[in-house]
Protein backbone atom coordinates (compact mmCIF):
# COMPACT_ATOMS: atom_id res chain seq x y z
CA UNK A 1 -14.15 62.58 23.76
CA UNK A 2 -12.80 64.11 20.56
CA UNK A 3 -15.14 66.34 18.59
CA UNK A 4 -14.63 66.87 14.88
CA UNK A 5 -15.95 69.99 13.25
CA UNK A 6 -16.48 70.12 9.53
CA UNK A 7 -16.62 73.60 8.16
CA UNK A 8 -18.16 74.22 4.80
CA UNK A 9 -17.06 77.34 3.09
CA UNK A 10 -19.48 78.84 0.61
CA UNK A 11 -19.30 82.03 -1.36
CA UNK A 12 -21.36 84.84 0.03
CA UNK A 13 -24.22 86.31 -2.08
CA UNK A 14 -22.07 89.43 -2.52
CA UNK A 15 -19.23 87.42 -4.09
CA UNK A 16 -21.65 85.63 -6.43
CA UNK A 17 -23.17 88.92 -7.54
CA UNK A 18 -19.72 90.41 -8.21
CA UNK A 19 -18.74 87.41 -10.37
CA UNK A 20 -21.97 87.67 -12.40
CA UNK A 21 -21.42 91.39 -13.00
CA UNK A 22 -17.84 90.77 -14.24
CA UNK A 23 -19.02 88.03 -16.60
CA UNK A 24 -21.79 90.25 -17.96
CA UNK A 25 -19.33 93.11 -18.57
CA UNK A 26 -16.99 90.73 -20.46
CA UNK A 27 -19.85 89.57 -22.69
CA UNK A 28 -20.85 93.16 -23.42
CA UNK A 29 -17.28 93.98 -24.44
CA UNK A 30 -17.21 90.98 -26.80
CA UNK A 31 -20.47 92.10 -28.36
CA UNK A 32 -19.05 95.56 -28.99
CA UNK A 33 -15.94 94.08 -30.63
CA UNK A 34 -18.00 91.74 -32.85
CA UNK A 35 -19.50 93.67 -35.76
CA UNK A 36 -23.10 93.01 -36.73
CA UNK A 37 -23.64 91.85 -40.34
CA UNK A 38 -26.16 94.63 -40.83
CA UNK A 39 -23.47 97.20 -39.96
CA UNK A 40 -21.38 96.39 -43.06
CA UNK A 41 -21.87 98.53 -46.18
CA UNK A 42 -24.07 97.12 -48.95
CA UNK A 43 -22.22 97.06 -52.31
CA UNK A 44 -22.68 95.59 -55.76
CA UNK A 45 -20.41 92.50 -56.04
CA UNK A 46 -17.63 92.49 -58.62
CA UNK A 47 -15.97 89.47 -60.24
CA UNK A 48 -12.77 90.14 -58.31
CA UNK A 49 -14.54 90.05 -54.94
CA UNK A 50 -14.41 87.10 -52.59
CA UNK A 51 -16.79 85.30 -50.25
CA UNK A 52 -16.33 82.75 -47.49
CA UNK A 53 -17.61 79.22 -47.78
CA UNK A 54 -17.14 75.62 -46.65
CA UNK A 55 -15.01 73.27 -48.74
CA UNK A 56 -17.12 70.11 -48.91
CA UNK A 57 -15.88 68.46 -52.15
CA UNK A 58 -12.42 68.87 -53.71
CA UNK A 59 -11.61 69.18 -57.42
CA UNK A 60 -11.38 65.40 -57.84
CA UNK A 61 -14.87 64.85 -56.42
CA UNK A 62 -13.63 63.52 -53.06
CA UNK A 63 -15.32 64.58 -49.82
CA UNK A 64 -13.17 66.95 -47.72
CA UNK A 65 -12.79 65.98 -44.06
CA UNK A 66 -13.81 68.71 -41.63
CA UNK A 67 -15.24 71.01 -44.33
CA UNK A 68 -12.73 73.84 -43.69
CA UNK A 69 -13.70 77.47 -44.27
CA UNK A 70 -12.03 79.06 -47.30
CA UNK A 71 -12.33 81.94 -49.76
CA UNK A 72 -14.00 81.79 -53.17
CA UNK A 73 -13.62 84.27 -56.02
CA UNK A 74 -16.81 85.41 -57.72
CA UNK A 75 -15.02 84.79 -61.03
CA UNK A 76 -14.65 81.10 -60.18
CA UNK A 77 -18.22 80.92 -58.88
CA UNK A 78 -19.46 82.38 -62.16
CA UNK A 79 -17.45 79.83 -64.14
CA UNK A 80 -18.97 77.04 -62.07
CA UNK A 81 -22.53 78.30 -62.53
CA UNK A 82 -22.01 78.84 -66.26
CA UNK A 83 -21.17 75.18 -66.85
CA UNK A 84 -23.41 73.18 -69.17
CA UNK A 85 -23.59 69.58 -70.28
CA UNK A 86 -22.21 69.27 -73.82
CA UNK A 87 -23.01 66.11 -75.77
CA UNK A 88 -19.99 63.94 -76.57
CA UNK A 89 -21.48 60.76 -78.03
CA UNK A 90 -24.84 59.45 -79.20
CA UNK A 91 -25.07 56.04 -80.79
CA UNK A 92 -27.79 53.46 -81.43
CA UNK A 93 -27.82 49.75 -82.12
CA UNK A 94 -29.00 48.62 -85.53
CA UNK A 95 -29.77 45.00 -84.66
CA UNK A 96 -33.29 43.59 -84.19
CA UNK A 97 -32.75 42.01 -80.76
CA UNK A 98 -30.22 41.48 -77.98
CA UNK A 99 -30.45 39.03 -75.12
CA UNK A 100 -28.45 36.96 -72.65
CA UNK A 101 -28.93 33.46 -71.36
CA UNK A 102 -30.20 32.91 -67.82
CA UNK A 103 -27.87 34.19 -65.07
CA UNK A 104 -25.14 35.26 -67.47
CA UNK A 105 -24.36 38.99 -67.94
CA UNK A 106 -24.38 40.30 -71.49
CA UNK A 107 -22.69 43.56 -72.54
CA UNK A 108 -25.06 45.63 -74.68
CA UNK A 109 -24.08 46.92 -78.12
CA UNK A 110 -24.89 50.46 -79.15
CA UNK A 111 -23.36 50.79 -82.59
CA UNK A 112 -20.10 51.44 -84.42
CA UNK A 113 -16.91 52.55 -82.73
CA UNK A 114 -16.33 56.28 -82.53
CA UNK A 115 -13.74 58.71 -81.13
CA UNK A 116 -10.00 58.52 -80.52
CA UNK A 117 -7.59 58.64 -77.59
CA UNK A 118 -7.47 62.47 -77.57
CA UNK A 119 -11.25 62.80 -77.15
CA UNK A 120 -12.99 62.99 -73.80
CA UNK A 121 -14.62 59.61 -74.43
CA UNK A 122 -14.63 56.80 -76.99
CA UNK A 123 -17.21 54.18 -77.90
CA UNK A 124 -15.25 50.97 -78.44
CA UNK A 125 -15.89 47.27 -78.91
CA UNK A 126 -15.35 44.91 -76.00
CA UNK A 127 -12.79 42.14 -76.06
CA UNK A 128 -15.17 39.61 -74.49
CA UNK A 129 -17.41 36.97 -75.98
CA UNK A 130 -20.41 39.27 -76.56
CA UNK A 131 -20.15 39.81 -80.31
CA UNK A 132 -20.53 43.47 -81.25
CA UNK A 133 -20.84 44.65 -77.65
CA UNK A 134 -19.56 48.10 -76.73
CA UNK A 135 -17.67 49.69 -73.89
CA UNK A 136 -17.26 53.40 -73.17
CA UNK A 137 -13.70 54.56 -72.60
CA UNK A 138 -13.40 57.73 -70.50
CA UNK A 139 -10.10 59.44 -71.33
CA UNK A 140 -10.44 62.67 -69.36
CA UNK A 141 -11.60 63.55 -65.88
CA UNK A 142 -14.89 65.33 -65.33
CA UNK A 143 -18.59 64.96 -64.62
CA UNK A 144 -20.51 62.96 -67.21
CA UNK A 145 -24.21 62.40 -67.72
CA UNK A 146 -25.24 59.14 -69.38
CA UNK A 147 -28.70 58.32 -70.71
CA UNK A 148 -29.45 54.71 -71.68
CA UNK A 149 -32.65 54.08 -73.64
CA UNK A 150 -33.74 50.48 -74.12
CA UNK A 151 -36.67 48.76 -75.84
CA UNK A 152 -37.54 45.89 -73.48
CA UNK A 153 -39.81 42.97 -74.32
CA UNK A 154 -40.08 39.24 -75.17
CA UNK A 155 -39.77 37.40 -78.48
CA UNK A 156 -40.56 33.77 -77.61
CA UNK A 157 -44.05 33.88 -76.12
CA UNK A 158 -46.26 35.43 -73.47
CA UNK A 159 -43.90 35.56 -70.48
CA UNK A 160 -42.96 37.51 -67.41
CA UNK A 161 -39.19 37.81 -67.67
CA UNK A 162 -36.89 38.91 -64.88
CA UNK A 163 -34.45 41.24 -66.62
CA UNK A 164 -31.51 42.74 -64.76
CA UNK A 165 -29.54 45.81 -65.89
CA UNK A 166 -26.31 47.12 -64.38
CA UNK A 167 -23.27 49.31 -65.06
CA UNK A 168 -19.79 47.78 -64.73
CA UNK A 169 -16.55 49.73 -64.31
CA UNK A 170 -13.30 48.31 -65.72
CA UNK A 171 -14.94 44.92 -66.05
CA UNK A 172 -14.97 44.31 -62.28
CA UNK A 173 -16.92 46.79 -60.13
CA UNK A 174 -20.62 47.58 -60.39
CA UNK A 175 -21.41 51.30 -60.35
CA UNK A 176 -24.80 52.51 -59.16
CA UNK A 177 -27.96 50.51 -58.47
CA UNK A 178 -29.30 47.42 -60.22
CA UNK A 179 -32.38 48.04 -62.37
CA UNK A 180 -34.91 45.21 -62.67
CA UNK A 181 -37.78 44.79 -65.17
CA UNK A 182 -40.23 42.10 -64.04
CA UNK A 183 -43.34 42.75 -66.10
CA UNK A 184 -45.80 40.49 -67.88
CA UNK A 185 -45.75 40.72 -71.68
CA UNK A 186 -48.92 39.22 -73.21
CA UNK A 187 -47.50 39.08 -76.73
CA UNK A 188 -44.11 39.00 -78.40
CA UNK A 189 -42.41 42.04 -79.93
CA UNK A 190 -44.50 44.60 -78.03
CA UNK A 191 -41.70 46.25 -76.05
CA UNK A 192 -41.84 49.02 -73.49
CA UNK A 193 -39.24 51.80 -73.14
CA UNK A 194 -36.73 51.71 -70.31
CA UNK A 195 -34.68 54.87 -69.67
CA UNK A 196 -31.78 54.76 -67.20
CA UNK A 197 -30.07 58.10 -66.36
CA UNK A 198 -26.60 57.95 -64.78
CA UNK A 199 -24.33 60.76 -63.54
CA UNK A 200 -20.72 59.84 -62.81
CA UNK A 201 -17.53 61.59 -61.70
CA UNK A 202 -14.45 60.39 -63.57
CA UNK A 203 -11.09 61.06 -61.87
CA UNK A 204 -8.79 58.71 -63.82
CA UNK A 205 -9.12 57.01 -67.24
CA UNK A 206 -11.38 53.95 -67.14
CA UNK A 207 -14.03 52.14 -69.15
CA UNK A 208 -17.67 51.23 -68.53
CA UNK A 209 -19.82 48.35 -69.78
CA UNK A 210 -23.60 48.41 -69.69
CA UNK A 211 -24.99 44.95 -69.12
CA UNK A 212 -28.24 43.02 -68.90
CA UNK A 213 -29.05 39.50 -67.76
CA UNK A 214 -32.00 37.13 -67.64
CA UNK A 215 -32.76 35.95 -64.14
CA UNK A 216 -35.51 34.12 -62.30
CA UNK A 217 -35.47 31.04 -64.50
CA UNK A 218 -37.45 32.51 -67.44
CA UNK A 219 -35.26 32.14 -70.51
CA UNK A 220 -36.96 34.91 -72.46
CA UNK A 221 -36.84 38.67 -72.63
CA UNK A 222 -34.31 41.25 -73.66
CA UNK A 223 -34.07 44.12 -76.11
CA UNK A 224 -36.47 43.71 -79.02
CA UNK A 225 -37.94 45.76 -81.84
CA UNK A 226 -41.63 46.49 -82.08
CA UNK A 227 -43.33 43.95 -84.32
CA UNK A 228 -45.28 46.67 -86.11
CA UNK A 229 -43.01 48.89 -88.23
CA UNK A 230 -43.71 52.61 -88.24
CA UNK A 231 -43.92 52.90 -92.03
CA UNK A 232 -44.03 56.68 -91.77
CA UNK A 233 -42.12 58.68 -94.35
CA UNK A 234 -39.26 60.68 -92.86
CA UNK A 235 -39.46 58.97 -89.45
CA UNK A 236 -36.69 56.55 -88.49
CA UNK A 237 -37.45 53.28 -86.74
CA UNK A 238 -36.58 53.41 -83.02
CA UNK A 239 -33.47 51.53 -81.92
CA UNK A 240 -33.55 48.84 -79.26
CA UNK A 241 -30.52 50.39 -77.49
CA UNK A 242 -29.32 54.00 -77.54
CA UNK A 243 -26.60 55.65 -75.48
CA UNK A 244 -26.11 59.39 -75.10
CA UNK A 245 -23.23 60.84 -73.07
CA UNK A 246 -22.65 64.52 -72.20
CA UNK A 247 -19.82 66.17 -70.27
CA UNK A 248 -20.12 69.09 -67.86
CA UNK A 249 -18.07 71.88 -69.48
């Protein structure tokens, strides 16, 4: 008969205790070497001073992978905080109504052309079939704030139109969400205001169109004037389409 003996070797309680004590000592040493934030002197910051931060977005507006830690000058931080939106363009349409046919996008017109190629932006006419329609040409990179103000209603009869609004970049790609107005209008030429705010980051020159379209089979609805004129001295009649664009400077 052959007997096999399996011996299990375990560390004694004394060895375990010694290992724990060594680990605790090492942690205490690390704590001593690591300064507490409260131990640093408290000073008044100067513009030449620096702080640490995480780089989340680069100068072109692109997300930074890994969000690396970097230094920031207070001078640059101040310049960033001091930025304000400065108006570049404001223009309004002078026509009485604008509309598309069912399921066909229509580029909205906002007024006469303005600006030149050296400006941050230009309001230009489109080359498409929408007579008088405008496009916005962005010539310089930056952050822009756009406010679109529309006067939405019907001019054929009491209807519930399905009106679709969108923003198109370079004639191909939609930017931002689709806005839908699906409201019952009991009478013609009694519009409601529709305000669409948009903030965009421009990195390379491009142009934007602002479009609407009739959907849902109801061939009515669009941008219309109020049937009752203001007739108030010194007060201008509201436009059916106004665009205002500001740049963060």
